[in-house]
Structures are given as C-alpha cells and as structure tokens.
Amino acid sequence: MILTMSDSQTVSAAVAKLYNTYPFPPEPLLDEPPPGYNWRWNWLAAYNFCTGQKPQKQDIRILDAGCGTGVGTEYLVHLNPAASVVGIDLSTKALEVAQERCQRSGANRVEFHHLSLYDVEQLPGEFDFINCVGVLHHLSDPIRGIQALAKKLAPGGLMHIFVYGELGRWEIQLMQKAIALLQGDKRGDYRDGVQVGRQIFASLPEKNRIVKRERERWSLENQRDENFADMYVHPQEIDYNIETLFELIDASGLDFVGFSNPGFWQIDRLLGKAPELMERTQGLGDRVSYRLIELLDPEVTHYELFLSCPPLPKADWSADDAMLAAIPERNPCIDGFPSQCVFNYDYQIVNLSPLELEFLQKCDGHSTVGGILAGSQLGLDAVRTLLKQQLILLTPS
C-alpha cells in the first residue's frame, strides 16, 4: 500500500491526539534521579554489549526519538553524565511532562523539540546513540521513519529500537478491533474507547481467552487509563514478525548487531533435547533460526535490538597477550557490588567466587588484566567468563 503525505499527516495527527489526551508513559515525576537502570540506555554498557569493549569516548550526542513523557530521556541523561541529549516527540502535552520530569530530577543536559521522526533531518549534526522505543510501530510508514533516523546516526554509532511482535500480542489485536467496532463513529474519541474497552473486559466470561491473557500479562499496568489507551485504542499500530522485522532493518541500511535479549534467541533452549533436530538447524541461517524460535515459543510481545552505522569495531580477546594488556573496569550496570552475589547488567543473579570478587575490586580503570592477575590465583579463562557475563569492560592497550 502506497501512503500519501496526506495519509501520513492524518495518522500523525491522530497519534498526537491520543498522547495529548493520555500523555505516555504515565510514570510519576520524582525530585531525584530515577531508581535503578536500564543498561540499554547506558552508553558504556550498550557499547560493550555490541562490540566487546569500552567505547573510546563518552562525550557523545544522544537522540531519544519519540521521547513521550521523558521516562527514557531522563535515564539517558542520568546514566550518561558526559553526554548531551535531545528528545523529540509529536505530542505537546507529553513534551510538557518530559520537560518537567527532567527539570525536577536534575537531568539538565537535555533539550526537547516538538518534531516528527520524519522531520528529524531538521536537527543539526549527527548522533552517536539513537534510542527509539515504542515509536516506529506507530508510524504510518515505519520504513520512512527508520531511514530518516539512520541518516542521523554517526559512523560507528548505535541505534536501539523496540517494536511490537504480532505473535505475543494476538489477543491485544483482537480487543483493539472489537473496541473499534463498538465505537463506530466515535472511533478517535480515546476516552470513549477506554470506557468501551473496560466495559468489554467487565462483561466477558472469566475463562475468555482475551481476559485470561490480560490478567496474565497486562492487568497491573493497565489499571492506568494511559496504559490501557496506549494498548487498546491506539489509532495506528503495526506488529512485526521476524520476517517483516528484518525487512524493516534491511530498509534502514544499517547493520543488525543483535537482539538485546540473546538468551531468548538460542534454539537449543527449545530443541536441545533432540540432537537430530539440532543438527537440522545448523544450516538454517540466523534469520530462519529466529523465525523458528518465535514459531515454537510465540510469547514474543516485542523485539528489542541494536543496529549500527558502520564501521563498528568488534573486539577480539582470543589472544592471551591482548587480554593481559587490556585495562578492565566494572560494568556500571551492576547492582549489589561489592558482594559475592550481585545482579548483572540484565538484573540476573551472579554468584562470584572469592577470587572473582577480588579481581573485580581491583578493576580500577588503570591496572591491566595481567597486572591484576600477577598477584592472584585467578586464571585468564575466568576473566574471559567475567567478560562474557558483561561484568567487566575492557579497553585495548
């Protein structure tokens, strides 16, 4: 389907109206930095995840493309203290909240612009890191949107995107269509849509499939009308599968670095008990394997991934000499340190041995791996395990 400029403007106006009615996300405003972290918004942790090494610079430019009420923007500012941040969004009401949120928490290295993704070329310069969460799937032309963003990504830069998955959102799609049918001529009246949707849920039998899915996955957050409206009465939504996702990625002209939840995309967690089937998967290629995984485990509600603008250097730590000469630092996204039991960058529990804990305590950003190991019984393989677990960042000598 070919969309005209008028079509895109109509969709954009409808989306802006939704978020002016229900500014999103509705997280409370705080008079202090937000709690915890999302490692995908921390330049050091994200760059290390994508390349296997610490980035050479931290005074970067970050774009939060479709920032909404600034929940992600606020984290981007606080988690990257040397960066300058720009946030853009279609909704004036959401931007007002974003500005207040960042002012109140001291996130003062940010500027906001009332701007569509399509018009991002109006911003000066390029960005080292572009964050685009929950936006592309609400565009009338996501390919045009991602191509506009790709033109603003600096060589060696990273783009973090989040888009919906069709398999895990099947019941949501059904409810969206049901609400639209019952709204009739009132479609586009988002407060009416929320009221209709809540009446439907109150009326449906307890064992109804849509009700069961809502209770299992979404009911807690959907107590807020802003969340309910974003999920069930949105005027524009495109849900992806692996095949259509990679059509979007290929159209961007950027390189696919990887999913930010790589554990889910391992076929052996599903077919590991069947060696013959595992052997058959060997020649499938990554994309076909990803498609097989989502077909066998259709809980995929979204895809979260990194793209890059080449050249993006990838570290190779297979040589002992290179590893010994590298300078290690602790990943900034570790919780509970110093302790033998910590949460890693992805909030998974890691139990450290006494020697591993001692090594991490000596990772000061100045000493080399070889220098630290000279006074320790810890081996180089153990350091590689810490690196694989994303507990340390390495800078080549």
Protein backbone atom coordinates (compact mmCIF):
# COMPACT_ATOMS: atom_id res chain seq x y z
CA MET A 1 0.00 0.00 0.00
CA ILE A 2 1.36 3.41 -1.00
CA LEU A 3 0.74 6.14 1.56
CA THR A 4 0.46 9.76 0.54
CA MET A 5 1.83 12.66 2.55
CA SER A 6 -1.76 13.48 3.49
CA ASP A 7 -2.26 9.96 4.86
CA SER A 8 0.88 10.25 6.99
CA GLN A 9 -0.21 13.62 8.32
CA THR A 10 -3.64 12.25 9.23
CA VAL A 11 -2.11 9.34 11.12
CA SER A 12 0.41 11.59 12.86
CA ALA A 13 -2.37 13.93 13.95
CA ALA A 14 -4.38 11.03 15.35
CA VAL A 15 -1.36 9.70 17.27
CA ALA A 16 -0.59 13.16 18.63
CA LYS A 17 -4.22 13.49 19.75
CA LEU A 18 -4.02 10.19 21.66
CA TYR A 19 -0.89 11.24 23.54
CA ASN A 20 -2.21 14.74 24.17
CA THR A 21 -5.25 13.07 25.75
CA TYR A 22 -3.23 10.43 27.61
CA PRO A 23 0.44 11.51 27.92
CA PHE A 24 2.56 8.35 27.93
CA PRO A 25 4.30 6.76 29.78
CA PRO A 26 2.46 7.84 32.97
CA GLU A 27 5.29 7.13 35.43
CA PRO A 28 5.33 9.55 38.39
CA LEU A 29 7.64 12.57 38.44
CA LEU A 30 10.42 12.49 41.03
CA ASP A 31 12.59 15.17 42.62
CA GLU A 32 15.63 12.92 42.33
CA PRO A 33 17.26 10.70 39.68
CA PRO A 34 15.14 7.69 38.67
CA PRO A 35 15.83 4.42 40.51
CA GLY A 36 17.92 1.60 39.09
CA TYR A 37 18.99 1.50 35.47
CA ASN A 38 18.20 0.11 32.04
CA TRP A 39 21.55 -1.00 30.63
CA ARG A 40 20.32 -0.48 27.07
CA TRP A 41 20.29 3.26 27.84
CA ASN A 42 23.79 3.28 29.33
CA TRP A 43 26.28 4.05 26.55
CA LEU A 44 29.16 2.17 28.23
CA ALA A 45 27.14 -0.98 28.85
CA ALA A 46 25.36 -0.91 25.48
CA TYR A 47 28.55 -0.30 23.52
CA ASN A 48 30.32 -3.08 25.41
CA PHE A 49 27.41 -5.43 24.67
CA CYS A 50 27.63 -4.64 20.97
CA THR A 51 31.40 -4.57 20.49
CA GLY A 52 33.03 -6.39 23.40
CA GLN A 53 34.97 -3.34 24.53
CA LYS A 54 34.63 0.04 26.20
CA PRO A 55 33.90 2.96 23.84
CA GLN A 56 36.71 5.41 23.17
CA LYS A 57 34.58 8.44 24.01
CA GLN A 58 31.77 9.26 26.43
CA ASP A 59 31.04 12.88 25.47
CA ILE A 60 28.53 11.73 22.89
CA ARG A 61 25.29 13.06 21.41
CA ILE A 62 22.15 11.03 22.13
CA LEU A 63 18.77 11.31 20.43
CA ASP A 64 15.65 10.00 22.15
CA ALA A 65 13.40 9.65 19.10
CA GLY A 66 9.80 9.66 20.27
CA CYS A 67 10.56 10.51 23.89
CA GLY A 68 6.97 10.79 25.13
CA THR A 69 6.86 11.98 28.74
CA GLY A 70 10.62 11.63 29.06
CA VAL A 71 10.91 8.46 31.14
CA GLY A 72 13.67 7.07 28.91
CA THR A 73 15.13 10.51 28.29
CA GLU A 74 15.63 11.05 32.00
CA TYR A 75 17.54 7.78 32.29
CA LEU A 76 19.63 8.61 29.22
CA VAL A 77 20.75 11.86 30.87
CA HIS A 78 21.49 10.41 34.30
CA LEU A 79 23.17 7.22 33.04
CA ASN A 80 25.44 9.08 30.62
CA PRO A 81 26.90 12.01 32.59
CA ALA A 82 29.19 13.20 29.78
CA ALA A 83 26.55 13.10 27.03
CA SER A 84 24.24 15.73 25.60
CA VAL A 85 20.70 14.51 24.95
CA VAL A 86 17.96 15.61 22.56
CA GLY A 87 14.36 14.41 22.84
CA ILE A 88 11.72 14.75 20.11
CA ASP A 89 8.02 13.89 20.10
CA LEU A 90 4.74 14.62 18.31
CA SER A 91 2.75 15.29 21.47
CA THR A 92 2.98 18.75 23.02
CA LYS A 93 1.36 17.51 26.25
CA ALA A 94 3.85 14.65 26.56
CA LEU A 95 6.74 17.05 25.94
CA GLU A 96 5.49 19.34 28.70
CA VAL A 97 5.60 16.42 31.12
CA ALA A 98 9.05 15.39 29.83
CA GLN A 99 10.44 18.87 30.44
CA GLU A 100 9.05 19.00 33.96
CA ARG A 101 10.28 15.46 34.70
CA CYS A 102 13.84 16.24 33.68
CA GLN A 103 13.89 19.63 35.42
CA ARG A 104 12.71 18.12 38.69
CA SER A 105 15.26 15.28 38.69
CA GLY A 106 18.21 17.45 37.64
CA ALA A 107 18.51 15.98 34.14
CA ASN A 108 19.69 19.31 32.74
CA ARG A 109 21.74 18.18 29.73
CA VAL A 110 18.70 17.74 27.51
CA GLU A 111 16.76 19.79 25.01
CA PHE A 112 13.32 18.94 23.64
CA HIS A 113 11.80 19.59 20.23
CA HIS A 114 8.21 19.21 19.00
CA LEU A 115 9.15 17.18 15.94
CA SER A 116 8.12 14.12 13.96
CA LEU A 117 10.58 11.32 13.27
CA TYR A 118 10.01 12.03 9.60
CA ASP A 119 11.45 15.53 10.09
CA VAL A 120 14.47 14.59 12.18
CA GLU A 121 16.80 15.98 9.50
CA GLN A 122 15.88 19.41 10.86
CA LEU A 123 18.10 18.71 13.87
CA PRO A 124 21.74 19.76 13.35
CA GLY A 125 24.57 17.25 13.23
CA GLU A 126 24.70 13.52 13.81
CA PHE A 127 24.14 11.37 16.89
CA ASP A 128 26.33 8.65 18.35
CA PHE A 129 23.42 6.88 20.00
CA ILE A 130 19.77 6.92 18.92
CA ASN A 131 17.11 5.48 21.20
CA CYS A 132 13.76 4.72 19.54
CA VAL A 133 11.49 2.76 21.86
CA GLY A 134 7.84 2.06 21.07
CA VAL A 135 7.63 4.52 18.19
CA LEU A 136 8.30 3.01 14.77
CA HIS A 137 5.31 0.65 15.01
CA HIS A 138 3.02 3.66 15.48
CA LEU A 139 4.11 5.33 12.24
CA SER A 140 2.09 5.12 9.04
CA ASP A 141 5.40 4.48 7.24
CA PRO A 142 7.95 2.87 9.59
CA ILE A 143 10.46 2.36 6.78
CA ARG A 144 10.48 6.08 6.03
CA GLY A 145 10.85 6.71 9.76
CA ILE A 146 13.80 4.40 10.32
CA GLN A 147 15.52 5.67 7.18
CA ALA A 148 15.20 9.24 8.46
CA LEU A 149 16.80 8.21 11.75
CA ALA A 150 19.54 6.21 10.01
CA LYS A 151 20.67 9.34 8.18
CA LYS A 152 21.29 11.00 11.56
CA LEU A 153 23.36 8.15 13.02
CA ALA A 154 27.09 8.87 13.06
CA PRO A 155 29.58 6.30 11.68
CA GLY A 156 30.33 3.83 14.45
CA GLY A 157 27.11 4.84 16.21
CA LEU A 158 24.40 2.62 17.67
CA MET A 159 20.63 2.67 17.38
CA HIS A 160 18.48 0.93 19.98
CA ILE A 161 14.97 0.12 18.80
CA PHE A 162 11.90 -1.54 20.29
CA VAL A 163 8.93 -2.63 18.16
CA TYR A 164 5.91 -4.83 18.81
CA GLY A 165 5.71 -8.54 17.94
CA GLU A 166 2.50 -9.90 16.45
CA LEU A 167 2.55 -13.41 17.94
CA GLY A 168 2.54 -12.39 21.60
CA ARG A 169 0.07 -9.56 21.03
CA TRP A 170 -2.62 -11.54 19.24
CA GLU A 171 -5.24 -11.02 21.95
CA ILE A 172 -4.44 -7.31 22.04
CA GLN A 173 -5.12 -7.08 18.31
CA LEU A 174 -8.47 -8.80 18.78
CA MET A 175 -9.51 -6.39 21.53
CA GLN A 176 -8.37 -3.38 19.51
CA LYS A 177 -10.62 -4.45 16.63
CA ALA A 178 -13.55 -5.21 18.93
CA ILE A 179 -13.37 -1.79 20.60
CA ALA A 180 -13.19 -0.10 17.19
CA LEU A 181 -16.31 -1.95 16.01
CA LEU A 182 -18.27 -0.97 19.11
CA GLN A 183 -17.09 2.64 18.96
CA GLY A 184 -18.26 3.07 15.40
CA ASP A 185 -18.44 6.79 14.60
CA LYS A 186 -16.87 7.58 17.98
CA ARG A 187 -13.60 5.99 16.96
CA GLY A 188 -10.91 8.57 17.66
CA ASP A 189 -12.60 9.58 20.91
CA TYR A 190 -9.99 7.94 23.10
CA ARG A 191 -11.74 8.45 26.41
CA ASP A 192 -14.81 6.73 24.97
CA GLY A 193 -12.54 3.95 23.68
CA VAL A 194 -11.13 3.35 27.15
CA GLN A 195 -14.63 3.27 28.62
CA VAL A 196 -15.83 0.78 25.98
CA GLY A 197 -12.78 -1.42 26.48
CA ARG A 198 -13.18 -1.57 30.24
CA GLN A 199 -16.87 -2.43 29.83
CA ILE A 200 -15.94 -5.28 27.49
CA PHE A 201 -13.47 -6.74 29.99
CA ALA A 202 -16.03 -6.43 32.80
CA SER A 203 -18.61 -8.29 30.73
CA LEU A 204 -16.57 -11.14 29.21
CA PRO A 205 -16.53 -14.56 30.95
CA GLU A 206 -13.61 -15.19 33.29
CA LYS A 207 -12.27 -18.02 31.13
CA ASN A 208 -12.36 -15.94 27.97
CA ARG A 209 -9.01 -16.11 26.21
CA ILE A 210 -8.64 -12.33 25.93
CA VAL A 211 -9.47 -11.87 29.62
CA LYS A 212 -7.00 -14.58 30.66
CA ARG A 213 -4.20 -13.00 28.63
CA GLU A 214 -4.94 -9.56 30.06
CA ARG A 215 -4.78 -10.91 33.62
CA GLU A 216 -1.60 -12.89 32.97
CA ARG A 217 0.38 -10.12 31.32
CA TRP A 218 -1.08 -6.64 31.34
CA SER A 219 -3.73 -6.02 34.00
CA LEU A 220 -1.44 -4.44 36.62
CA GLU A 221 -0.08 -1.73 34.33
CA ASN A 222 -3.43 -1.31 32.58
CA GLN A 223 -5.06 -0.08 35.77
CA ARG A 224 -3.89 3.30 34.49
CA ASP A 225 -6.03 4.69 31.69
CA GLU A 226 -2.90 5.95 29.92
CA ASN A 227 -1.57 2.39 29.59
CA PHE A 228 -4.97 0.98 28.66
CA ALA A 229 -5.41 3.59 25.92
CA ASP A 230 -1.91 3.05 24.55
CA MET A 231 -2.53 -0.68 24.32
CA TYR A 232 -6.14 -0.99 23.21
CA VAL A 233 -7.32 2.21 21.50
CA HIS A 234 -4.23 3.32 19.61
CA PRO A 235 -5.10 4.70 16.16
CA GLN A 236 -2.03 3.25 14.44
CA GLU A 237 -0.11 0.07 15.12
CA ILE A 238 1.99 -2.32 13.05
CA ASP A 239 3.04 -5.56 14.72
CA TYR A 240 6.05 -7.43 13.39
CA ASN A 241 7.31 -10.96 12.97
CA ILE A 242 10.92 -11.92 12.26
CA GLU A 243 10.43 -11.75 8.51
CA THR A 244 8.84 -8.28 8.47
CA LEU A 245 11.21 -7.06 11.18
CA PHE A 246 14.23 -7.79 9.02
CA GLU A 247 12.56 -6.14 6.05
CA LEU A 248 12.46 -3.01 8.21
CA ILE A 249 16.08 -3.47 9.30
CA ASP A 250 17.32 -4.07 5.76
CA ALA A 251 15.48 -0.96 4.53
CA SER A 252 17.32 1.14 7.14
CA GLY A 253 20.68 0.50 5.51
CA LEU A 254 22.15 -0.16 8.96
CA ASP A 255 23.81 -3.32 10.25
CA PHE A 256 21.98 -5.65 12.60
CA VAL A 257 24.15 -6.04 15.70
CA GLY A 258 21.89 -8.33 17.71
CA PHE A 259 18.90 -8.70 19.99
CA SER A 260 19.41 -7.29 23.47
CA ASN A 261 17.91 -10.47 24.99
CA PRO A 262 20.15 -13.02 23.23
CA GLY A 263 19.23 -15.85 25.60
CA PHE A 264 15.70 -16.00 24.16
CA TRP A 265 17.07 -16.42 20.64
CA GLN A 266 19.02 -19.62 21.36
CA ILE A 267 17.38 -22.56 19.59
CA ASP A 268 18.93 -25.12 21.95
CA ARG A 269 16.66 -23.97 24.80
CA LEU A 270 13.75 -25.34 22.75
CA LEU A 271 15.22 -28.23 20.77
CA GLY A 272 18.28 -29.10 22.83
CA LYS A 273 16.74 -32.42 23.89
CA ALA A 274 16.51 -33.51 20.24
CA PRO A 275 20.08 -33.81 18.81
CA GLU A 276 18.79 -34.77 15.35
CA LEU A 277 16.66 -31.63 15.17
CA MET A 278 19.53 -29.51 16.46
CA GLU A 279 21.67 -30.89 13.64
CA ARG A 280 18.99 -29.86 11.15
CA THR A 281 19.10 -26.29 12.45
CA GLN A 282 22.81 -25.91 11.71
CA GLY A 283 22.34 -24.83 8.11
CA LEU A 284 19.27 -22.67 8.56
CA GLY A 285 21.00 -19.32 8.98
CA ASP A 286 20.32 -16.82 11.74
CA ARG A 287 17.12 -15.31 10.40
CA VAL A 288 15.45 -18.63 9.72
CA SER A 289 16.52 -19.82 13.16
CA TYR A 290 14.99 -16.71 14.73
CA ARG A 291 11.75 -17.37 12.86
CA LEU A 292 11.74 -20.99 14.04
CA ILE A 293 12.24 -19.86 17.63
CA GLU A 294 9.33 -17.42 17.61
CA LEU A 295 7.06 -20.02 15.97
CA LEU A 296 7.89 -22.55 18.68
CA ASP A 297 7.71 -20.00 21.50
CA PRO A 298 5.09 -17.47 20.37
CA GLU A 299 5.30 -15.35 23.51
CA VAL A 300 7.17 -12.62 21.62
CA THR A 301 5.40 -9.38 22.50
CA HIS A 302 8.22 -7.17 21.23
CA TYR A 303 11.67 -7.10 19.68
CA GLU A 304 14.45 -5.11 21.29
CA LEU A 305 17.68 -4.82 19.35
CA PHE A 306 20.70 -2.80 18.31
CA LEU A 307 21.63 -1.56 14.85
CA SER A 308 24.89 0.14 13.89
CA CYS A 309 26.23 2.52 11.28
CA PRO A 310 29.48 1.01 10.03
CA PRO A 311 32.29 0.86 10.74
CA LEU A 312 31.67 -0.58 14.21
CA PRO A 313 34.85 -2.13 15.65
CA LYS A 314 34.46 -5.54 17.28
CA ALA A 315 36.99 -6.64 19.88
CA ASP A 316 38.74 -9.99 19.66
CA TRP A 317 40.04 -11.17 23.01
CA SER A 318 41.05 -14.68 21.90
CA ALA A 319 44.77 -13.85 22.07
CA ASP A 320 46.18 -14.07 25.60
CA ASP A 321 48.59 -11.19 25.02
CA ALA A 322 45.78 -8.82 24.03
CA MET A 323 43.70 -9.85 27.04
CA LEU A 324 46.58 -9.48 29.50
CA ALA A 325 47.39 -6.00 28.20
CA ALA A 326 43.79 -4.76 28.34
CA ILE A 327 42.54 -2.45 31.08
CA PRO A 328 39.42 -3.77 32.84
CA GLU A 329 36.64 -1.78 34.52
CA ARG A 330 33.50 -2.96 36.23
CA ASN A 331 30.33 -2.67 34.18
CA PRO A 332 28.49 0.39 35.54
CA CYS A 333 25.25 -1.59 35.45
CA ILE A 334 25.94 -3.95 38.33
CA ASP A 335 23.81 -3.92 41.45
CA GLY A 336 24.84 -5.19 44.88
CA PHE A 337 28.60 -4.78 44.46
CA PRO A 338 30.81 -5.38 46.41
CA SER A 339 29.30 -8.74 47.26
CA GLN A 340 29.75 -12.29 46.07
CA CYS A 341 26.11 -12.26 45.00
CA VAL A 342 25.34 -9.43 42.55
CA PHE A 343 22.79 -8.55 39.92
CA ASN A 344 24.40 -8.28 36.50
CA TYR A 345 23.62 -5.73 33.77
CA ASP A 346 20.35 -7.57 33.00
CA TYR A 347 19.28 -7.94 36.66
CA GLN A 348 20.19 -11.64 36.70
CA ILE A 349 21.83 -13.05 39.83
CA VAL A 350 25.52 -13.91 39.52
CA ASN A 351 27.38 -15.71 42.28
CA LEU A 352 31.05 -14.76 42.33
CA SER A 353 33.89 -16.78 43.76
CA PRO A 354 36.15 -15.03 46.28
CA LEU A 355 38.86 -14.75 43.60
CA GLU A 356 36.43 -13.24 41.08
CA LEU A 357 35.23 -10.72 43.64
CA GLU A 358 38.82 -9.79 44.46
CA PHE A 359 39.56 -9.31 40.76
CA LEU A 360 36.52 -7.07 40.27
CA GLN A 361 37.50 -4.96 43.28
CA LYS A 362 40.87 -4.27 41.61
CA CYS A 363 39.34 -3.25 38.27
CA ASP A 364 40.05 0.45 38.69
CA GLY A 365 40.36 1.54 35.06
CA HIS A 366 44.15 1.88 35.36
CA SER A 367 45.62 -1.57 36.07
CA THR A 368 45.92 -4.13 33.28
CA VAL A 369 44.42 -7.61 33.42
CA GLY A 370 47.95 -9.02 33.57
CA GLY A 371 48.90 -6.69 36.40
CA ILE A 372 45.88 -7.72 38.49
CA LEU A 373 46.36 -11.43 37.79
CA ALA A 374 50.05 -11.25 38.76
CA GLY A 375 49.03 -11.20 42.39
CA SER A 376 46.09 -13.60 42.08
CA GLN A 377 45.39 -17.28 41.60
CA LEU A 378 42.58 -16.42 39.19
CA GLY A 379 43.17 -17.65 35.63
CA LEU A 380 42.68 -15.89 32.32
CA ASP A 381 39.75 -18.16 31.42
CA ALA A 382 37.92 -16.90 34.50
CA VAL A 383 38.46 -13.32 33.33
CA ARG A 384 37.00 -14.26 29.95
CA THR A 385 33.97 -15.62 31.80
CA LEU A 386 33.55 -12.30 33.60
CA LEU A 387 33.75 -10.58 30.22
CA LYS A 388 31.18 -12.93 28.70
CA GLN A 389 28.89 -12.21 31.65
CA GLN A 390 29.25 -8.47 30.88
CA LEU A 391 30.60 -7.85 34.38
CA ILE A 392 33.71 -6.07 33.05
CA LEU A 393 34.52 -3.71 30.21
CA LEU A 394 37.90 -3.93 28.54
CA THR A 395 39.92 -1.16 26.91
CA PRO A 396 42.60 -2.37 24.47
CA SER A 397 46.12 -1.32 25.32
